[in-house]
Amino acid sequence: MSETASPAASKEPLTPDICVIGDGPGGLAVATAAALFGARTVLVRQGGNAFSLNEGARGQALRAAAGRARAIADAGEIDYGRVRAHLDQISARLAANDSDERLAALGLVVLKGEARFQNRRQIVIDGTVVKARRFVIATGSQPAAPDIAGVAELPCLTEDSVFDLAKRPERLIVLGGTAAAVELAQAMRALGSEVALIAREGLLPEEDPEAVGVVRRALLGDRIALHEGRPILRAESHRQRPRLVLDGEIRIDGTHLLATNGRRPNIAGLELDLAGVRSDETGIVVDTSLRTANRSIYAIGDCAGGAAAGAMSSHAAQHQASLVLRNALFRQPVRFRREWVPRTVHGRPELASVGLSEVQARAQGAIRVLRFPYAESARAQAERQTDGLIKLVTDRKGGILGVVIAGAQAAELIVPWGLAIQKRMNVTEMAGLIAPSQSLSELSQKAALSFQAPLAAKPGIRRLIGFLSRFG
């Protein structure tokens, strides 16, 4: 098969082993890995449709710049022009990793244009026909428009377009209680903007309330005006600037409006019905093997619904990509489990969780809930990052069901707990891990050790220790 990056439209159809539609994190992961394994692979790049690795990196770069701004807050005005240049530099460097030339060198055929199915086994992209043994749809998502009267008449930033701002917003109104809302509100506040966060559905409503309390205190400590659970009556223009009117005639004025109230699957135009693929409001309906109703077609990432609904993150998409490769190339049975995918809020402090929530676990039977505060960590005390906790949910015998961490480096600390849940480890096994002294990892070990604390109060245990002490 030709390795030309963008072959011209041809009357002869391409016949790869795998055709990947979409070049977001999951799509790139499938396409590059399949090519490395020797599978004939076509990648369809649909302009601006998927949340790219570059955009994710720009968000990370913005948060890093905000962290540096906090450290030098007393040194003077933040130069937002330099911040924007930093974001562009990061994006440009990463773009080289996913360039058409590099992908072609790996053996991929790269097509550019909008793909649409013609039947169950064939798509067309600007006149080029692709008949593949397997298709993987990874077209991502796009910001959902807020259902608020008057918003459509106002200029409104999204969690994608906010990175293109040339100047720092003077007064930013952030609409939504999502992870992106928290991350961007804190970053922009650290960079010098006045910020109002309007979370009409509540702040991070799907996360553990105790952990959300840690995030809420941080937002208020950053002097972000937080409005939770209050209906929004309308949006309007006031002196050519956005204004939100909340229930009770509370008026929130700003210079910029940023909507982060969720995303919707980007699947319009694919003509899925001609391929025998079903979709609903969650996206393309897939089973736990990430297959659609057409067994030759998979869907991964933000566009996938059904058994994969709600797992909107780049790391979820890349995990799904690995499952699809195992199934499509090696015929291995796979099962996507949403509860195994860590959920993260990259705020300050961070929030991370994996496994079942306390509510979900209680619905399954008797459980134990263990809590350990960051204030018990010498490292947290030394770095003045003591507001936080680790919360473990186990069954009565110590089987780990779920973990939530709110505090410094939570996204790093959650990793071993994700492995523990996948391997069905007992909390006593985690307690036996040797954590480096003076590290935040000690928090996880001590939280696990707390499972055994009630044993010390049992009379039988005390009598056994007393009996054994007689023998020296």
Protein backbone atom coordinates (compact mmCIF):
# COMPACT_ATOMS: atom_id res chain seq x y z
CA MET A 1 0.00 0.00 0.00
CA SER A 2 1.20 3.48 -0.79
CA GLU A 3 2.74 5.47 2.05
CA THR A 4 1.85 8.84 0.54
CA ALA A 5 0.46 11.12 3.23
CA SER A 6 -2.49 12.45 1.24
CA PRO A 7 -3.22 10.33 -1.84
CA ALA A 8 -5.37 11.93 -4.48
CA ALA A 9 -8.88 10.66 -5.05
CA SER A 10 -8.69 7.39 -6.94
CA LYS A 11 -11.19 5.24 -8.77
CA GLU A 12 -9.60 2.18 -7.21
CA PRO A 13 -10.75 1.72 -3.62
CA LEU A 14 -8.24 1.37 -0.80
CA THR A 15 -8.52 -1.98 0.98
CA PRO A 16 -6.74 -1.76 4.34
CA ASP A 17 -7.03 -4.09 7.29
CA ILE A 18 -8.11 -1.21 9.53
CA CYS A 19 -9.50 2.22 8.71
CA VAL A 20 -9.54 4.73 11.57
CA ILE A 21 -11.88 7.70 11.25
CA GLY A 22 -10.66 10.56 13.45
CA ASP A 23 -7.24 11.64 14.70
CA GLY A 24 -7.81 12.35 18.37
CA PRO A 25 -5.84 10.54 21.10
CA GLY A 26 -7.66 7.25 20.66
CA GLY A 27 -7.66 7.33 16.87
CA LEU A 28 -3.93 8.05 16.66
CA ALA A 29 -3.21 5.32 19.21
CA VAL A 30 -5.10 2.70 17.16
CA ALA A 31 -3.68 3.79 13.81
CA THR A 32 -0.03 4.02 14.82
CA ALA A 33 -0.04 0.79 16.82
CA ALA A 34 -1.83 -1.11 14.05
CA ALA A 35 0.75 0.10 11.52
CA LEU A 36 3.62 -0.91 13.80
CA PHE A 37 2.12 -4.41 14.02
CA GLY A 38 2.17 -4.59 10.23
CA ALA A 39 -1.55 -4.10 9.59
CA ARG A 40 -2.41 -2.10 6.48
CA THR A 41 -3.90 1.05 7.99
CA VAL A 42 -5.71 4.14 6.73
CA LEU A 43 -6.20 7.17 8.98
CA VAL A 44 -8.86 9.73 8.09
CA ARG A 45 -8.09 13.16 9.53
CA GLN A 46 -11.31 15.15 9.92
CA GLY A 47 -10.39 18.77 10.48
CA GLY A 48 -11.22 20.19 13.90
CA ASN A 49 -13.54 17.42 15.00
CA ALA A 50 -11.72 15.54 17.73
CA PHE A 51 -10.24 16.88 20.94
CA SER A 52 -6.59 16.56 19.97
CA LEU A 53 -3.54 15.72 22.04
CA ASN A 54 -2.30 19.22 21.27
CA GLU A 55 -5.37 20.83 22.83
CA GLY A 56 -4.99 18.68 25.90
CA ALA A 57 -1.36 19.73 26.12
CA ARG A 58 -2.35 23.40 25.77
CA GLY A 59 -4.63 22.99 28.76
CA GLN A 60 -1.81 21.40 30.73
CA ALA A 61 0.53 24.20 29.66
CA LEU A 62 -2.01 26.82 30.76
CA ARG A 63 -2.29 25.21 34.20
CA ALA A 64 1.49 25.06 34.46
CA ALA A 65 1.73 28.76 33.58
CA ALA A 66 -0.93 29.49 36.20
CA GLY A 67 1.10 27.58 38.77
CA ARG A 68 4.16 29.64 37.95
CA ALA A 69 2.03 32.79 38.17
CA ARG A 70 0.96 31.84 41.70
CA ALA A 71 4.60 31.45 42.67
CA ILE A 72 5.49 34.93 41.43
CA ALA A 73 2.20 36.64 42.25
CA ASP A 74 3.92 39.35 44.25
CA ALA A 75 6.43 40.13 41.51
CA GLY A 76 4.10 42.21 39.35
CA GLU A 77 1.70 41.97 36.40
CA ILE A 78 1.50 38.68 34.50
CA ASP A 79 2.47 38.97 30.83
CA TYR A 80 -0.38 37.07 29.16
CA GLY A 81 1.29 37.48 25.77
CA ARG A 82 4.13 35.28 26.97
CA VAL A 83 1.61 32.76 28.33
CA ARG A 84 -0.10 32.57 24.93
CA ALA A 85 3.27 32.18 23.20
CA HIS A 86 4.05 29.31 25.59
CA LEU A 87 0.81 27.55 24.64
CA ASP A 88 1.54 27.93 20.94
CA GLN A 89 5.08 26.61 21.34
CA ILE A 90 3.86 23.49 23.15
CA SER A 91 1.22 22.91 20.48
CA ALA A 92 3.73 23.33 17.65
CA ARG A 93 6.23 20.92 19.20
CA LEU A 94 3.63 18.22 19.69
CA ALA A 95 2.15 18.75 16.23
CA ALA A 96 5.42 17.50 14.75
CA ASN A 97 4.90 14.13 16.48
CA ASP A 98 1.60 13.63 14.68
CA SER A 99 2.46 15.22 11.33
CA ASP A 100 1.34 13.62 8.07
CA GLU A 101 4.97 12.99 7.18
CA ARG A 102 5.75 11.12 10.41
CA LEU A 103 2.57 9.04 10.15
CA ALA A 104 3.37 8.18 6.53
CA ALA A 105 6.83 7.08 7.62
CA LEU A 106 5.17 4.63 9.99
CA GLY A 107 3.33 3.09 7.04
CA LEU A 108 -0.05 4.80 7.39
CA VAL A 109 -2.07 6.16 4.51
CA VAL A 110 -3.44 9.51 5.67
CA LEU A 111 -6.58 10.92 4.08
CA LYS A 112 -8.00 14.36 4.82
CA GLY A 113 -11.67 15.16 4.56
CA GLU A 114 -15.08 14.26 5.89
CA ALA A 115 -15.80 10.54 5.91
CA ARG A 116 -19.24 9.07 5.38
CA PHE A 117 -20.39 5.49 5.14
CA GLN A 118 -21.85 4.24 1.86
CA ASN A 119 -22.74 0.81 3.18
CA ARG A 120 -21.76 -1.59 5.96
CA ARG A 121 -18.17 -2.04 4.76
CA GLN A 122 -17.32 1.08 2.80
CA ILE A 123 -16.70 4.79 3.32
CA VAL A 124 -15.90 7.64 0.97
CA ILE A 125 -13.67 10.66 1.67
CA ASP A 126 -13.71 13.36 -1.02
CA GLY A 127 -14.03 10.80 -3.77
CA THR A 128 -11.63 8.22 -2.31
CA VAL A 129 -13.34 4.95 -1.43
CA VAL A 130 -12.06 2.81 1.46
CA LYS A 131 -13.19 -0.80 1.89
CA ALA A 132 -11.72 -2.03 5.15
CA ARG A 133 -11.96 -5.28 7.09
CA ARG A 134 -12.43 -3.24 10.28
CA PHE A 135 -13.38 0.38 10.94
CA VAL A 136 -12.67 2.32 14.13
CA ILE A 137 -14.66 5.52 14.62
CA ALA A 138 -12.80 8.00 16.83
CA THR A 139 -14.27 11.33 15.78
CA GLY A 140 -14.32 12.79 19.28
CA SER A 141 -16.68 15.43 20.57
CA GLN A 142 -17.34 19.14 20.40
CA PRO A 143 -18.56 21.63 22.99
CA ALA A 144 -22.29 21.51 23.61
CA ALA A 145 -24.19 24.79 23.32
CA PRO A 146 -25.70 25.90 26.66
CA ASP A 147 -29.51 25.84 26.75
CA ILE A 148 -29.87 29.33 28.21
CA ALA A 149 -32.06 32.02 26.75
CA GLY A 150 -29.98 34.70 25.10
CA VAL A 151 -26.63 32.91 25.02
CA ALA A 152 -26.80 32.33 21.26
CA GLU A 153 -26.79 36.11 20.71
CA LEU A 154 -23.59 36.61 22.71
CA PRO A 155 -19.95 35.88 21.85
CA CYS A 156 -19.15 32.77 23.85
CA LEU A 157 -15.84 31.01 24.39
CA THR A 158 -15.62 27.22 24.67
CA GLU A 159 -13.11 25.00 26.45
CA ASP A 160 -11.42 24.63 23.04
CA SER A 161 -11.40 28.24 21.81
CA VAL A 162 -10.36 29.81 25.14
CA PHE A 163 -6.75 28.90 24.35
CA ASP A 164 -6.83 31.18 21.31
CA LEU A 165 -7.36 34.36 23.34
CA ALA A 166 -4.69 36.95 22.57
CA LYS A 167 -5.36 38.89 25.76
CA ARG A 168 -6.24 37.86 29.28
CA PRO A 169 -9.94 38.33 30.09
CA GLU A 170 -10.48 41.12 32.58
CA ARG A 171 -13.61 39.57 34.08
CA LEU A 172 -14.40 36.01 33.06
CA ILE A 173 -17.74 34.29 33.59
CA VAL A 174 -17.31 30.50 33.54
CA LEU A 175 -20.54 28.62 32.95
CA GLY A 176 -20.61 25.01 34.18
CA GLY A 177 -19.66 22.85 37.14
CA THR A 178 -17.49 20.45 35.15
CA ALA A 179 -13.84 19.52 35.59
CA ALA A 180 -12.94 21.85 32.71
CA ALA A 181 -14.81 24.68 34.42
CA VAL A 182 -12.83 24.24 37.65
CA GLU A 183 -9.50 23.92 35.84
CA LEU A 184 -9.96 26.95 33.61
CA ALA A 185 -11.50 29.11 36.34
CA GLN A 186 -8.53 28.52 38.64
CA ALA A 187 -5.97 28.96 35.88
CA MET A 188 -7.42 32.24 34.66
CA ARG A 189 -7.75 33.52 38.22
CA ALA A 190 -4.08 32.76 38.86
CA LEU A 191 -3.21 34.63 35.66
CA GLY A 192 -4.95 37.73 36.95
CA SER A 193 -8.54 37.56 35.72
CA GLU A 194 -11.51 38.18 37.97
CA VAL A 195 -13.57 35.00 37.72
CA ALA A 196 -17.16 34.04 38.48
CA LEU A 197 -18.01 30.33 38.29
CA ILE A 198 -21.71 29.57 37.68
CA ALA A 199 -22.46 25.90 38.45
CA ARG A 200 -26.23 25.70 38.11
CA GLU A 201 -26.19 21.87 38.34
CA GLY A 202 -23.81 22.01 41.30
CA LEU A 203 -20.05 21.77 41.49
CA LEU A 204 -18.70 18.48 40.08
CA PRO A 205 -22.04 16.74 40.74
CA GLU A 206 -20.77 13.27 39.78
CA GLU A 207 -17.86 13.32 42.23
CA ASP A 208 -17.68 12.43 45.92
CA PRO A 209 -19.19 15.28 48.00
CA GLU A 210 -16.41 15.20 50.61
CA ALA A 211 -13.75 15.48 47.92
CA VAL A 212 -15.68 18.23 46.16
CA GLY A 213 -15.67 20.13 49.46
CA VAL A 214 -11.86 20.32 49.25
CA VAL A 215 -12.10 21.77 45.73
CA ARG A 216 -14.80 24.21 46.80
CA ARG A 217 -12.68 25.59 49.62
CA ALA A 218 -9.81 26.09 47.18
CA LEU A 219 -12.01 27.99 44.73
CA LEU A 220 -13.26 30.30 47.46
CA GLY A 221 -9.72 30.71 48.75
CA ASP A 222 -8.70 31.86 45.28
CA ARG A 223 -11.41 34.54 45.52
CA ILE A 224 -13.46 33.03 42.72
CA ALA A 225 -17.11 34.07 42.95
CA LEU A 226 -18.90 30.71 43.13
CA HIS A 227 -22.64 30.37 42.44
CA GLU A 228 -23.94 26.80 42.86
CA GLY A 229 -27.34 25.26 42.22
CA ARG A 230 -29.02 28.50 41.24
CA PRO A 231 -31.12 28.57 38.03
CA ILE A 232 -29.98 30.89 35.25
CA LEU A 233 -32.89 32.98 33.98
CA ARG A 234 -31.25 34.47 30.92
CA ALA A 235 -28.12 35.85 29.31
CA GLU A 236 -28.02 39.36 27.93
CA SER A 237 -25.71 42.02 26.64
CA HIS A 238 -24.96 44.92 28.94
CA ARG A 239 -22.84 47.71 27.49
CA GLN A 240 -21.72 45.26 24.79
CA ARG A 241 -20.50 42.81 27.38
CA PRO A 242 -22.03 39.53 28.63
CA ARG A 243 -24.27 39.41 31.65
CA LEU A 244 -25.97 36.43 33.28
CA VAL A 245 -29.13 36.91 35.31
CA LEU A 246 -29.61 34.26 38.00
CA ASP A 247 -32.67 33.37 40.01
CA GLY A 248 -33.36 36.16 42.45
CA GLU A 249 -32.35 38.74 39.83
CA ILE A 250 -28.67 38.31 40.69
CA ARG A 251 -26.65 39.86 37.87
CA ILE A 252 -23.17 38.61 36.98
CA ASP A 253 -21.26 40.92 34.64
CA GLY A 254 -18.09 40.07 32.76
CA THR A 255 -15.96 40.93 29.78
CA HIS A 256 -15.93 37.33 28.48
CA LEU A 257 -18.27 34.35 28.76
CA LEU A 258 -16.87 30.80 28.75
CA ALA A 259 -19.25 27.84 28.43
CA THR A 260 -17.95 24.51 29.79
CA ASN A 261 -21.24 22.72 30.29
CA GLY A 262 -20.23 19.48 28.61
CA ARG A 263 -19.54 18.05 25.19
CA ARG A 264 -21.54 16.15 22.60
CA PRO A 265 -20.38 13.33 20.31
CA ASN A 266 -19.25 14.47 16.89
CA ILE A 267 -20.99 11.95 14.65
CA ALA A 268 -23.16 14.07 12.35
CA GLY A 269 -22.47 13.45 8.68
CA LEU A 270 -21.09 9.92 9.06
CA GLU A 271 -24.30 8.37 7.67
CA LEU A 272 -24.19 5.71 10.37
CA ASP A 273 -27.56 4.28 9.43
CA LEU A 274 -26.16 3.13 6.07
CA ALA A 275 -23.52 1.17 7.98
CA GLY A 276 -26.04 -0.45 10.31
CA VAL A 277 -24.67 1.46 13.31
CA ARG A 278 -27.00 2.72 16.02
CA SER A 279 -26.55 5.93 18.00
CA ASP A 280 -28.37 7.82 20.73
CA GLU A 281 -27.83 10.92 22.85
CA THR A 282 -24.74 9.36 24.45
CA GLY A 283 -23.06 8.71 21.10
CA ILE A 284 -22.44 5.61 18.99
CA VAL A 285 -23.90 2.65 20.86
CA VAL A 286 -21.22 0.05 21.63
CA ASP A 287 -21.07 -3.04 23.83
CA THR A 288 -18.36 -3.78 26.38
CA SER A 289 -16.04 -4.93 23.58
CA LEU A 290 -16.51 -1.47 22.00
CA ARG A 291 -18.20 -2.99 18.96
CA THR A 292 -21.24 -1.43 17.35
CA ALA A 293 -24.29 -3.22 15.98
CA ASN A 294 -22.15 -3.75 12.87
CA ARG A 295 -19.53 -6.16 14.23
CA SER A 296 -16.89 -4.86 11.81
CA ILE A 297 -17.10 -1.35 13.23
CA TYR A 298 -15.80 -0.13 16.60
CA ALA A 299 -16.21 3.25 18.29
CA ILE A 300 -13.88 4.71 20.92
CA GLY A 301 -13.30 7.96 22.74
CA ASP A 302 -15.75 10.80 23.21
CA CYS A 303 -17.99 9.68 20.32
CA ALA A 304 -18.66 6.27 21.92
CA GLY A 305 -21.86 5.76 23.89
CA GLY A 306 -23.65 2.71 25.20
CA ALA A 307 -21.30 0.71 27.44
CA ALA A 308 -18.63 3.39 26.99
CA ALA A 309 -20.85 6.41 27.67
CA GLY A 310 -19.45 9.08 29.94
CA ALA A 311 -15.78 8.07 29.71
CA MET A 312 -14.74 11.34 28.06
CA SER A 313 -10.99 11.69 28.56
CA SER A 314 -7.90 11.17 26.44
CA HIS A 315 -6.62 8.41 28.74
CA ALA A 316 -9.96 6.58 28.45
CA ALA A 317 -9.73 6.82 24.65
CA GLN A 318 -6.19 5.44 24.62
CA HIS A 319 -7.20 2.57 26.91
CA GLN A 320 -10.10 1.80 24.58
CA ALA A 321 -7.69 1.90 21.65
CA SER A 322 -5.59 -0.83 23.24
CA LEU A 323 -8.68 -2.99 23.76
CA VAL A 324 -9.78 -2.57 20.14
CA LEU A 325 -6.33 -3.55 18.88
CA ARG A 326 -6.32 -6.71 20.99
CA ASN A 327 -9.75 -7.66 19.69
CA ALA A 328 -9.41 -6.60 16.05
CA LEU A 329 -5.85 -7.82 15.40
CA PHE A 330 -5.45 -10.76 17.80
CA ARG A 331 -9.09 -11.82 18.32
CA GLN A 332 -8.66 -11.61 22.08
CA PRO A 333 -11.88 -11.15 24.08
CA VAL A 334 -11.91 -7.75 25.77
CA ARG A 335 -14.21 -5.88 28.11
CA PHE A 336 -14.23 -2.14 28.73
CA ARG A 337 -14.98 -1.28 32.35
CA ARG A 338 -15.65 2.37 32.92
CA GLU A 339 -15.00 2.11 36.67
CA TRP A 340 -11.38 1.16 35.94
CA VAL A 341 -10.71 4.48 34.19
CA PRO A 342 -9.43 7.18 36.59
CA ARG A 343 -11.48 10.37 36.71
CA THR A 344 -9.43 13.51 37.26
CA VAL A 345 -9.89 17.21 37.91
CA HIS A 346 -6.59 18.99 37.36
CA GLY A 347 -7.29 21.87 39.69
CA ARG A 348 -5.33 23.13 42.63
CA PRO A 349 -5.64 20.88 44.56
CA GLU A 350 -6.34 17.98 42.24
CA LEU A 351 -9.19 15.50 42.56
CA ALA A 352 -8.88 11.94 41.29
CA SER A 353 -11.04 8.86 41.71
CA VAL A 354 -11.24 5.31 40.42
CA GLY A 355 -13.59 2.40 40.97
CA LEU A 356 -17.03 2.62 42.54
CA SER A 357 -18.28 5.65 44.38
CA GLU A 358 -19.51 5.28 47.97
CA VAL A 359 -23.13 5.43 46.76
CA GLN A 360 -22.54 2.77 44.09
CA ALA A 361 -20.73 0.53 46.55
CA ARG A 362 -23.48 0.80 49.18
CA ALA A 363 -26.01 -0.32 46.60
CA GLN A 364 -24.06 -3.58 46.26
CA GLY A 365 -23.91 -4.46 49.95
CA ALA A 366 -22.14 -3.78 53.24
CA ILE A 367 -19.01 -1.69 52.96
CA ARG A 368 -16.38 0.08 55.04
CA VAL A 369 -15.29 3.66 54.40
CA LEU A 370 -11.79 4.72 55.45
CA ARG A 371 -10.55 8.31 55.47
CA PHE A 372 -7.05 9.67 55.98
CA PRO A 373 -6.30 13.40 55.96
CA TYR A 374 -3.42 15.12 54.16
CA ALA A 375 -2.72 16.97 57.41
CA GLU A 376 -1.17 13.73 58.75
CA SER A 377 1.57 13.89 56.11
CA ALA A 378 4.89 15.53 56.99
CA ARG A 379 5.41 16.32 53.30
CA ALA A 380 2.04 18.03 53.04
CA GLN A 381 2.75 19.98 56.19
CA ALA A 382 6.16 21.08 54.91
CA GLU A 383 4.69 22.25 51.61
CA ARG A 384 1.59 23.79 53.22
CA GLN A 385 -0.75 21.59 51.22
CA THR A 386 -2.64 20.05 54.12
CA ASP A 387 -6.21 20.47 52.86
CA GLY A 388 -7.16 17.13 51.38
CA LEU A 389 -8.00 13.51 52.07
CA ILE A 390 -7.80 9.97 50.78
CA LYS A 391 -11.06 8.06 51.00
CA LEU A 392 -11.17 4.29 50.53
CA VAL A 393 -14.29 2.23 50.00
CA THR A 394 -13.88 -1.50 50.68
CA ASP A 395 -16.10 -4.48 51.27
CA ARG A 396 -16.26 -5.98 54.76
CA LYS A 397 -13.21 -8.17 54.11
CA GLY A 398 -11.06 -5.34 52.76
CA GLY A 399 -11.57 -5.84 49.04
CA ILE A 400 -10.93 -2.46 47.40
CA LEU A 401 -14.03 -1.15 45.62
CA GLY A 402 -13.23 2.52 45.05
CA VAL A 403 -10.83 5.30 45.95
CA VAL A 404 -11.11 9.08 45.82
CA ILE A 405 -8.25 11.47 46.52
CA ALA A 406 -8.59 15.23 46.85
CA GLY A 407 -5.32 17.03 47.42
CA ALA A 408 -1.87 17.74 46.03
CA GLN A 409 -0.73 15.31 43.29
CA ALA A 410 -3.96 13.33 43.48
CA ALA A 411 -3.69 12.35 39.81
CA GLU A 412 -0.34 10.69 40.53
CA LEU A 413 -1.39 9.06 43.81
CA ILE A 414 -4.46 7.42 42.23
CA VAL A 415 -2.40 5.24 39.85
CA PRO A 416 -1.51 2.34 42.20
CA TRP A 417 -5.10 2.27 43.46
CA GLY A 418 -6.32 1.80 39.89
CA LEU A 419 -4.04 -1.20 39.55
CA ALA A 420 -5.23 -2.54 42.91
CA ILE A 421 -8.85 -2.42 41.76
CA GLN A 422 -8.06 -4.09 38.44
CA LYS A 423 -6.17 -6.89 40.20
CA ARG A 424 -8.84 -7.23 42.92
CA MET A 425 -6.31 -6.60 45.65
CA ASN A 426 -7.12 -6.43 49.32
CA VAL A 427 -6.45 -3.26 51.28
CA THR A 428 -4.03 -5.20 53.51
CA GLU A 429 -1.83 -5.81 50.46
CA MET A 430 -1.70 -2.06 49.82
CA ALA A 431 -0.85 -1.53 53.49
CA GLY A 432 2.19 -3.76 53.00
CA LEU A 433 3.69 -1.56 50.28
CA ILE A 434 6.85 0.31 51.26
CA ALA A 435 6.35 4.01 50.54
CA PRO A 436 9.34 6.38 50.46
CA SER A 437 9.57 8.42 53.64
CA GLN A 438 8.74 12.12 53.40
CA SER A 439 6.59 11.47 50.33
CA LEU A 440 2.90 11.97 49.71
CA SER A 441 2.73 8.27 48.81
CA GLU A 442 2.84 7.55 52.54
CA LEU A 443 -0.73 8.82 52.66
CA SER A 444 -1.93 5.87 50.59
CA GLN A 445 -0.07 3.39 52.79
CA LYS A 446 -1.39 4.92 56.00
CA ALA A 447 -4.93 5.06 54.64
CA ALA A 448 -4.69 1.34 53.89
CA LEU A 449 -3.24 0.62 57.34
CA SER A 450 -6.24 2.31 58.95
CA PHE A 451 -8.35 -0.69 57.88
CA GLN A 452 -6.66 -2.69 60.61
CA ALA A 453 -7.09 -0.07 63.34
CA PRO A 454 -10.37 -1.53 64.72
CA LEU A 455 -8.59 -4.84 65.31
CA ALA A 456 -6.47 -3.26 68.04
CA ALA A 457 -9.55 -2.63 70.16
CA LYS A 458 -10.83 -6.22 70.01
CA PRO A 459 -10.46 -8.04 73.36
CA GLY A 460 -9.45 -11.27 71.65
CA ILE A 461 -6.51 -9.63 69.90
CA ARG A 462 -5.36 -8.00 73.14
CA ARG A 463 -5.56 -11.33 74.99
CA LEU A 464 -3.53 -13.03 72.23
CA ILE A 465 -0.80 -10.40 72.44
CA GLY A 466 -0.74 -10.72 76.23
CA PHE A 467 -0.51 -14.50 76.00
CA LEU A 468 2.36 -14.39 73.48
CA SER A 469 4.25 -11.81 75.55
CA ARG A 470 4.67 -14.41 78.32
CA PHE A 471 7.05 -16.34 76.08
CA GLY A 472 9.43 -13.40 75.73
